[in-house]
Amino acid sequence: MKNVLVVDDDYMSREMMETVLKRSGYASSMAVSGEGALSFLQTQTPDMILMDARIGEPDGFETCAQIKSDPATQDIPVIILTSLNSAADIQRAADVGANGFYYKNNGWQGLIEAIRELIG
């Protein structure tokens, strides 16, 4: 079973993502901050990372940039999740090396489809 690391500082969002992922056939791990995600990656390698854009400091964009700049983690697909759907955020996600950008209000089915495209 493929493992997805969910990085979100909102408890309800993490719980919902865990349920959606489980029902879709994925295992999940959780982190509440960018620092937590980076610490997790020092000992484990998920198949993918779903990261909220606004998780404090460092934010999701900065954390993604750090992940993509490290040879040990640069190949892990990252999708930036956000409730803000601006062209600037989409561009920023691309600039930091994210493999995708997903607007949370679009529903979970589209996100699962994006995950399947990246990791099966």
Protein backbone atom coordinates (compact mmCIF):
# COMPACT_ATOMS: atom_id res chain seq x y z
CA MET A 1 0.00 0.00 0.00
CA LYS A 2 1.44 3.37 -1.00
CA ASN A 3 1.97 5.89 1.79
CA VAL A 4 1.06 9.57 1.51
CA LEU A 5 2.45 12.11 3.97
CA VAL A 6 -0.21 14.72 4.76
CA VAL A 7 1.16 18.03 6.07
CA ASP A 8 -1.53 20.31 7.48
CA ASP A 9 -1.80 22.29 10.69
CA ASP A 10 -5.58 21.85 10.81
CA TYR A 11 -6.68 18.73 12.70
CA MET A 12 -9.98 18.35 10.83
CA SER A 13 -8.26 18.62 7.45
CA ARG A 14 -5.75 15.94 8.44
CA GLU A 15 -8.49 13.63 9.69
CA MET A 16 -10.54 14.12 6.53
CA MET A 17 -7.53 13.47 4.31
CA GLU A 18 -6.69 10.33 6.27
CA THR A 19 -10.24 9.03 5.73
CA VAL A 20 -10.28 9.91 2.02
CA LEU A 21 -6.88 8.32 1.44
CA LYS A 22 -7.78 5.15 3.35
CA ARG A 23 -11.02 4.74 1.39
CA SER A 24 -9.02 5.19 -1.82
CA GLY A 25 -6.50 2.47 -0.94
CA TYR A 26 -3.62 4.56 0.44
CA ALA A 27 -1.89 4.55 3.80
CA SER A 28 -1.17 7.93 5.34
CA SER A 29 1.23 9.56 7.75
CA MET A 30 0.68 12.97 9.29
CA ALA A 31 2.74 16.05 10.07
CA VAL A 32 1.43 19.33 11.48
CA SER A 33 4.15 21.66 10.19
CA GLY A 34 6.85 22.09 7.59
CA GLU A 35 9.46 21.30 10.22
CA GLY A 36 7.54 18.17 11.17
CA ALA A 37 7.49 17.07 7.53
CA LEU A 38 11.22 17.64 7.16
CA SER A 39 11.89 15.66 10.34
CA PHE A 40 9.67 12.83 9.09
CA LEU A 41 11.64 12.72 5.84
CA GLN A 42 14.89 12.17 7.72
CA THR A 43 13.71 8.71 8.78
CA GLN A 44 10.97 7.70 6.32
CA THR A 45 10.26 8.08 2.63
CA PRO A 46 6.60 8.40 1.66
CA ASP A 47 5.46 7.76 -1.88
CA MET A 48 3.95 11.26 -2.05
CA ILE A 49 3.39 14.40 0.00
CA LEU A 50 0.18 16.43 0.21
CA MET A 51 1.07 19.77 1.78
CA ASP A 52 -1.15 22.65 2.79
CA ALA A 53 0.24 25.95 1.54
CA ARG A 54 -0.44 27.79 4.79
CA ILE A 55 1.07 25.79 7.65
CA GLY A 56 3.00 28.50 9.47
CA GLU A 57 6.73 29.01 9.08
CA PRO A 58 8.13 27.56 7.01
CA ASP A 59 4.99 27.53 4.88
CA GLY A 60 4.14 24.78 2.42
CA PHE A 61 5.87 26.50 -0.47
CA GLU A 62 9.13 26.96 1.47
CA THR A 63 8.97 23.39 2.76
CA CYS A 64 8.40 22.07 -0.76
CA ALA A 65 11.42 24.05 -1.99
CA GLN A 66 13.57 22.45 0.74
CA ILE A 67 12.29 18.97 -0.14
CA LYS A 68 12.96 19.49 -3.84
CA SER A 69 16.46 20.88 -3.22
CA ASP A 70 17.58 17.82 -1.23
CA PRO A 71 18.88 14.95 -3.42
CA ALA A 72 17.51 12.44 -0.89
CA THR A 73 13.92 13.72 -1.22
CA GLN A 74 13.74 15.61 -4.50
CA ASP A 75 12.01 12.76 -6.36
CA ILE A 76 9.07 12.50 -3.93
CA PRO A 77 6.01 13.99 -5.66
CA VAL A 78 4.49 16.95 -3.81
CA ILE A 79 1.03 18.40 -4.31
CA ILE A 80 0.40 21.78 -2.71
CA LEU A 81 -3.11 22.06 -1.27
CA THR A 82 -4.78 25.37 -0.57
CA SER A 83 -8.10 27.03 0.00
CA LEU A 84 -6.73 30.03 -1.90
CA ASN A 85 -7.00 29.65 -5.64
CA SER A 86 -4.90 32.41 -7.11
CA ALA A 87 -2.72 32.45 -10.19
CA ALA A 88 0.15 33.68 -8.00
CA ASP A 89 -0.14 30.62 -5.73
CA ILE A 90 -0.26 28.27 -8.70
CA GLN A 91 2.86 29.90 -10.12
CA ARG A 92 4.63 29.84 -6.77
CA ALA A 93 3.92 26.11 -6.44
CA ALA A 94 5.46 25.52 -9.86
CA ASP A 95 8.44 27.73 -8.99
CA VAL A 96 9.28 25.67 -5.88
CA GLY A 97 9.09 22.39 -7.80
CA ALA A 98 5.67 21.08 -6.71
CA ASN A 99 4.34 18.33 -8.94
CA GLY A 100 0.82 19.66 -8.60
CA PHE A 101 -1.44 22.27 -7.10
CA TYR A 102 -4.92 21.47 -5.84
CA TYR A 103 -7.66 23.82 -4.72
CA LYS A 104 -9.28 22.16 -1.68
CA ASN A 105 -12.77 23.37 -2.54
CA ASN A 106 -12.76 21.33 -5.78
CA GLY A 107 -13.65 18.16 -3.86
CA TRP A 108 -11.73 15.03 -3.01
CA GLN A 109 -12.33 12.99 -6.17
CA GLY A 110 -10.16 15.28 -8.28
CA LEU A 111 -7.39 15.10 -5.69
CA ILE A 112 -7.47 11.31 -5.65
CA GLU A 113 -7.27 11.35 -9.45
CA ALA A 114 -4.20 13.62 -9.24
CA ILE A 115 -2.59 11.27 -6.72
CA ARG A 116 -3.26 8.26 -8.92
CA GLU A 117 -1.67 10.02 -11.89
CA LEU A 118 1.50 10.62 -9.89
CA ILE A 119 1.92 7.41 -7.88
CA GLY A 120 -0.68 4.93 -9.10
